[in-house]
C-alpha atoms as a PDB file:
ATOM      1  CA  TRP A   1     -14.375  36.821   2.265  1.00  0.00           C
ATOM      2  CA  SER A   2     -11.184  34.929   2.519  1.00  0.00           C
ATOM      3  CA  LYS A   3      -9.452  32.924  -0.102  1.00  0.00           C
ATOM      4  CA  LYS A   4      -9.309  29.217   0.611  1.00  0.00           C
ATOM      5  CA  LYS A   5      -6.135  27.475  -0.489  1.00  0.00           C
ATOM      6  CA  ILE A   6      -6.343  23.832  -1.518  1.00  0.00           C
ATOM      7  CA  SER A   7      -3.286  21.591  -1.752  1.00  0.00           C
ATOM      8  CA  GLN A   8      -3.270  18.443  -3.835  1.00  0.00           C
ATOM      9  CA  CYS A   9      -0.737  15.777  -3.025  1.00  0.00           C
ATOM     10  CA  LYS A  10       0.345  13.015  -5.396  1.00  0.00           C
ATOM     11  CA  ILE A  11       2.553  10.305  -3.976  1.00  0.00           C
ATOM     12  CA  ARG A  12       4.286   7.618  -5.966  1.00  0.00           C
ATOM     13  CA  LEU A  13       5.271   4.816  -3.668  1.00  0.00           C
ATOM     14  CA  LEU A  14       7.910   2.307  -4.732  1.00  0.00           C
ATOM     15  CA  ILE A  15       7.775  -0.862  -2.643  1.00  0.00           C
ATOM     16  CA  THR A  16      10.726  -3.196  -2.930  1.00  0.00           C
ATOM     17  CA  PHE A  17      11.217  -5.993  -0.462  1.00  0.00           C
ATOM     18  CA  GLN A  18      11.764  -9.683  -0.163  1.00  0.00           C
ATOM     19  CA  VAL A  19       9.861 -12.060   2.086  1.00  0.00           C
ATOM     20  CA  SER A  20      11.443 -15.339   3.082  1.00  0.00           C
ATOM     21  CA  CYS A  21      10.359 -17.942   5.589  1.00  0.00           C
ATOM     22  CA  PRO A  22      12.771 -20.887   5.698  1.00  0.00           C
ATOM     23  CA  GLY A  23      11.010 -24.180   6.270  1.00  0.00           C
ATOM     24  CA  VAL A  24       7.536 -22.808   5.481  1.00  0.00           C
ATOM     25  CA  HIS A  25       5.568 -24.080   2.503  1.00  0.00           C
ATOM     26  CA  LEU A  26       2.480 -22.306   1.243  1.00  0.00           C
ATOM     27  CA  PRO A  27      -0.469 -24.045  -0.416  1.00  0.00           C
ATOM     28  CA  ALA A  28       0.229 -24.125  -4.155  1.00  0.00           C
ATOM     29  CA  LYS A  29      -3.305 -23.005  -5.099  1.00  0.00           C
ATOM     30  CA  ASP A  30      -3.278 -19.455  -3.672  1.00  0.00           C
ATOM     31  CA  ASP A  31      -1.207 -16.653  -5.185  1.00  0.00           C
ATOM     32  CA  ILE A  32       0.264 -14.052  -2.820  1.00  0.00           C
ATOM     33  CA  TYR A  33      -0.138 -10.275  -3.124  1.00  0.00           C
ATOM     34  CA  LEU A  34       0.298  -7.045  -1.166  1.00  0.00           C
ATOM     35  CA  SER A  35      -2.571  -4.827  -0.140  1.00  0.00           C
ATOM     36  CA  VAL A  36      -1.407  -1.306   0.722  1.00  0.00           C
ATOM     37  CA  CYS A  37      -3.529   1.278   2.520  1.00  0.00           C
ATOM     38  CA  PHE A  38      -2.438   4.924   2.629  1.00  0.00           C
ATOM     39  CA  MET A  39      -4.552   8.084   2.946  1.00  0.00           C
ATOM     40  CA  SER A  40      -7.698   5.878   3.167  1.00  0.00           C
ATOM     41  CA  GLN A  41      -6.979   4.434  -0.276  1.00  0.00           C
ATOM     42  CA  TYR A  42      -6.182   0.808  -1.068  1.00  0.00           C
ATOM     43  CA  ARG A  43      -3.921  -0.503  -3.793  1.00  0.00           C
ATOM     44  CA  LYS A  44      -3.179  -4.129  -4.671  1.00  0.00           C
ATOM     45  CA  SER A  45       0.051  -5.534  -6.081  1.00  0.00           C
ATOM     46  CA  VAL A  46       0.330  -8.111  -8.812  1.00  0.00           C
ATOM     47  CA  CYS A  47      -0.041 -11.689  -7.632  1.00  0.00           C
ATOM     48  CA  LEU A  48       3.038 -13.828  -7.148  1.00  0.00           C
ATOM     49  CA  PRO A  49       3.241 -17.602  -7.037  1.00  0.00           C
ATOM     50  CA  PRO A  50       3.328 -18.950  -3.457  1.00  0.00           C
ATOM     51  CA  VAL A  51       7.039 -19.822  -3.482  1.00  0.00           C
ATOM     52  CA  PHE A  52       9.587 -18.304  -1.105  1.00  0.00           C
ATOM     53  CA  PRO A  53      11.398 -16.001  -1.378  1.00  0.00           C
ATOM     54  CA  LEU A  54       8.702 -13.580  -2.549  1.00  0.00           C
ATOM     55  CA  LEU A  55      10.172 -10.545  -4.291  1.00  0.00           C
ATOM     56  CA  PHE A  56       7.870  -7.544  -4.562  1.00  0.00           C
ATOM     57  CA  ARG A  57       8.725  -4.518  -6.681  1.00  0.00           C
ATOM     58  CA  GLU A  58       5.635  -2.373  -7.045  1.00  0.00           C
ATOM     59  CA  LYS A  59       4.915   1.214  -8.024  1.00  0.00           C
ATOM     60  CA  MET A  60       1.705   2.591  -6.533  1.00  0.00           C
ATOM     61  CA  ARG A  61       0.185   6.038  -6.829  1.00  0.00           C
ATOM     62  CA  PHE A  62      -1.908   7.763  -4.182  1.00  0.00           C
ATOM     63  CA  GLU A  63      -3.594  11.170  -4.507  1.00  0.00           C
ATOM     64  CA  LYS A  64      -5.335  13.320  -1.938  1.00  0.00           C
ATOM     65  CA  VAL A  65      -6.621  16.869  -1.759  1.00  0.00           C
ATOM     66  CA  PHE A  66      -5.882  18.637   1.526  1.00  0.00           C
ATOM     67  CA  HIS A  67      -8.619  21.275   1.776  1.00  0.00           C
ATOM     68  CA  TYR A  68      -7.284  22.961   4.898  1.00  0.00           C
ATOM     69  CA  ALA A  69      -3.562  23.039   4.099  1.00  0.00           C
ATOM     70  CA  VAL A  70      -2.197  26.570   3.877  1.00  0.00           C
ATOM     71  CA  ASP A  71       1.242  25.696   2.537  1.00  0.00           C
ATOM     72  CA  PRO A  72       3.294  22.622   1.499  1.00  0.00           C
ATOM     73  CA  GLY A  73       4.809  22.467   4.992  1.00  0.00           C
ATOM     74  CA  ASP A  74       1.351  21.773   6.410  1.00  0.00           C
ATOM     75  CA  VAL A  75       0.927  18.892   3.960  1.00  0.00           C
ATOM     76  CA  ALA A  76       4.364  17.513   4.878  1.00  0.00           C
ATOM     77  CA  GLU A  77       3.411  17.575   8.578  1.00  0.00           C
ATOM     78  CA  MET A  78       0.157  15.744   7.896  1.00  0.00           C
ATOM     79  CA  LEU A  79       1.936  13.112   5.790  1.00  0.00           C
ATOM     80  CA  GLU A  80       4.457  12.449   8.575  1.00  0.00           C
ATOM     81  CA  CYS A  81       1.592  11.492  10.897  1.00  0.00           C
ATOM     82  CA  MET A  82      -0.122   9.124   8.462  1.00  0.00           C
ATOM     83  CA  LEU A  83       0.289   5.367   8.583  1.00  0.00           C
ATOM     84  CA  TYR A  84       1.022   3.028   5.724  1.00  0.00           C
ATOM     85  CA  LEU A  85      -0.593  -0.377   6.215  1.00  0.00           C
ATOM     86  CA  ILE A  86       0.922  -3.176   4.166  1.00  0.00           C
ATOM     87  CA  TYR A  87      -0.727  -6.596   4.243  1.00  0.00           C
ATOM     88  CA  LEU A  88       0.695  -9.786   2.782  1.00  0.00           C
ATOM     89  CA  LEU A  89      -2.338 -11.807   1.648  1.00  0.00           C
ATOM     90  CA  ALA A  90      -3.225 -15.005  -0.172  1.00  0.00           C
ATOM     91  CA  SER A  91      -5.676 -14.643  -3.043  1.00  0.00           C
ATOM     92  CA  GLY A  92      -7.888 -17.428  -1.684  1.00  0.00           C
ATOM     93  CA  GLY A  93      -8.274 -15.670   1.653  1.00  0.00           C
ATOM     94  CA  TRP A  94      -8.210 -17.295   5.077  1.00  0.00           C
ATOM     95  CA  TRP A  95     -11.707 -18.724   4.645  1.00  0.00           C
ATOM     96  CA  GLY A  96     -10.780 -21.090   1.784  1.00  0.00           C
ATOM     97  CA  GLU A  97     -13.442 -22.279  -0.623  1.00  0.00           C
ATOM     98  CA  LEU A  98     -17.083 -21.745   0.293  1.00  0.00           C
END
Protein backbone atom coordinates (compact mmCIF):
# COMPACT_ATOMS: atom_id res chain seq x y z
CA TRP A 1 0.00 0.00 0.00
CA SER A 2 1.44 3.27 -1.01
CA LYS A 3 1.45 6.49 0.87
CA LYS A 4 -0.59 9.24 -0.73
CA LYS A 5 0.83 12.73 -0.39
CA ILE A 6 -1.58 15.65 -0.26
CA SER A 7 -0.48 19.24 -0.87
CA GLN A 8 -2.49 22.18 0.38
CA CYS A 9 -1.99 25.52 -1.29
CA LYS A 10 -2.94 28.87 0.23
CA ILE A 11 -2.69 31.90 -2.01
CA ARG A 12 -3.04 35.48 -0.90
CA LEU A 13 -3.77 37.63 -3.89
CA LEU A 14 -3.22 41.38 -3.72
CA ILE A 15 -5.08 43.21 -6.49
CA THR A 16 -4.13 46.81 -7.06
CA PHE A 17 -5.24 48.63 -10.17
CA GLN A 18 -6.98 51.70 -11.40
CA VAL A 19 -9.77 51.83 -13.95
CA SER A 20 -10.39 55.03 -15.86
CA CYS A 21 -12.64 55.75 -18.80
CA PRO A 22 -12.46 59.41 -19.85
CA GLY A 23 -15.79 60.75 -21.02
CA VAL A 24 -17.81 57.84 -19.59
CA HIS A 25 -20.34 58.39 -16.83
CA LEU A 26 -21.84 55.52 -14.88
CA PRO A 27 -25.35 55.53 -13.41
CA ALA A 28 -25.09 56.94 -9.89
CA LYS A 29 -27.31 54.22 -8.36
CA ASP A 30 -25.08 51.16 -8.89
CA ASP A 31 -21.85 50.62 -6.96
CA ILE A 32 -18.96 48.91 -8.76
CA TYR A 33 -17.05 45.85 -7.52
CA LEU A 34 -14.65 43.15 -8.67
CA SER A 35 -15.55 39.49 -8.85
CA VAL A 36 -12.46 37.27 -8.95
CA CYS A 37 -12.50 33.58 -9.86
CA PHE A 38 -9.44 31.41 -9.19
CA MET A 39 -9.23 27.66 -8.53
CA SER A 40 -13.05 27.43 -8.97
CA GLN A 41 -13.56 29.82 -6.06
CA TYR A 42 -15.14 33.27 -6.24
CA ARG A 43 -14.30 36.30 -4.15
CA LYS A 44 -15.93 39.73 -4.25
CA SER A 45 -14.28 43.07 -3.54
CA VAL A 46 -15.77 45.90 -1.55
CA CYS A 47 -18.12 48.12 -3.51
CA LEU A 48 -16.90 51.46 -4.79
CA PRO A 49 -18.98 54.45 -5.83
CA PRO A 50 -19.48 54.63 -9.62
CA VAL A 51 -17.03 57.50 -10.17
CA PHE A 52 -13.92 57.25 -12.35
CA PRO A 53 -11.12 56.63 -11.71
CA LEU A 54 -11.91 53.47 -9.73
CA LEU A 55 -9.05 52.46 -7.46
CA PHE A 56 -9.12 48.86 -6.25
CA ARG A 57 -6.77 47.58 -3.56
CA GLU A 58 -7.99 44.20 -2.39
CA LYS A 59 -6.49 41.27 -0.51
CA MET A 60 -8.14 37.94 -1.31
CA ARG A 61 -7.32 34.48 -0.05
CA PHE A 62 -7.79 31.25 -1.98
CA GLU A 63 -7.13 27.73 -0.68
CA LYS A 64 -7.06 24.41 -2.48
CA VAL A 65 -5.96 20.88 -1.67
CA PHE A 66 -4.10 19.14 -4.49
CA HIS A 67 -4.70 15.44 -3.83
CA TYR A 68 -2.41 14.15 -6.57
CA ALA A 69 0.56 16.50 -6.14
CA VAL A 70 3.74 14.66 -5.21
CA ASP A 71 5.88 17.70 -4.46
CA PRO A 72 5.62 21.53 -4.40
CA GLY A 73 6.97 21.67 -7.96
CA ASP A 74 3.89 19.80 -9.16
CA VAL A 75 1.67 22.37 -7.44
CA ALA A 76 3.66 25.23 -9.00
CA GLU A 77 3.18 23.69 -12.46
CA MET A 78 -0.56 23.34 -11.93
CA LEU A 79 -0.85 26.93 -10.70
CA GLU A 80 0.96 28.23 -13.80
CA CYS A 81 -1.74 26.69 -15.99
CA MET A 82 -4.69 28.10 -14.04
CA LEU A 83 -6.60 31.19 -15.10
CA TYR A 84 -7.60 34.13 -12.97
CA LEU A 85 -10.89 35.66 -14.11
CA ILE A 86 -11.48 39.22 -12.95
CA TYR A 87 -14.83 40.84 -13.69
CA LEU A 88 -15.70 44.49 -13.18
CA LEU A 89 -19.41 44.53 -12.28
CA ALA A 90 -22.14 46.91 -11.20
CA SER A 91 -24.08 45.90 -8.10
CA GLY A 92 -27.42 46.38 -9.87
CA GLY A 93 -26.46 43.97 -12.63
CA TRP A 94 -27.14 44.39 -16.34
CA TRP A 95 -30.82 43.53 -15.92
CA GLY A 96 -31.68 46.61 -13.82
CA GLU A 97 -34.68 46.54 -11.52
CA LEU A 98 -37.22 43.75 -11.92
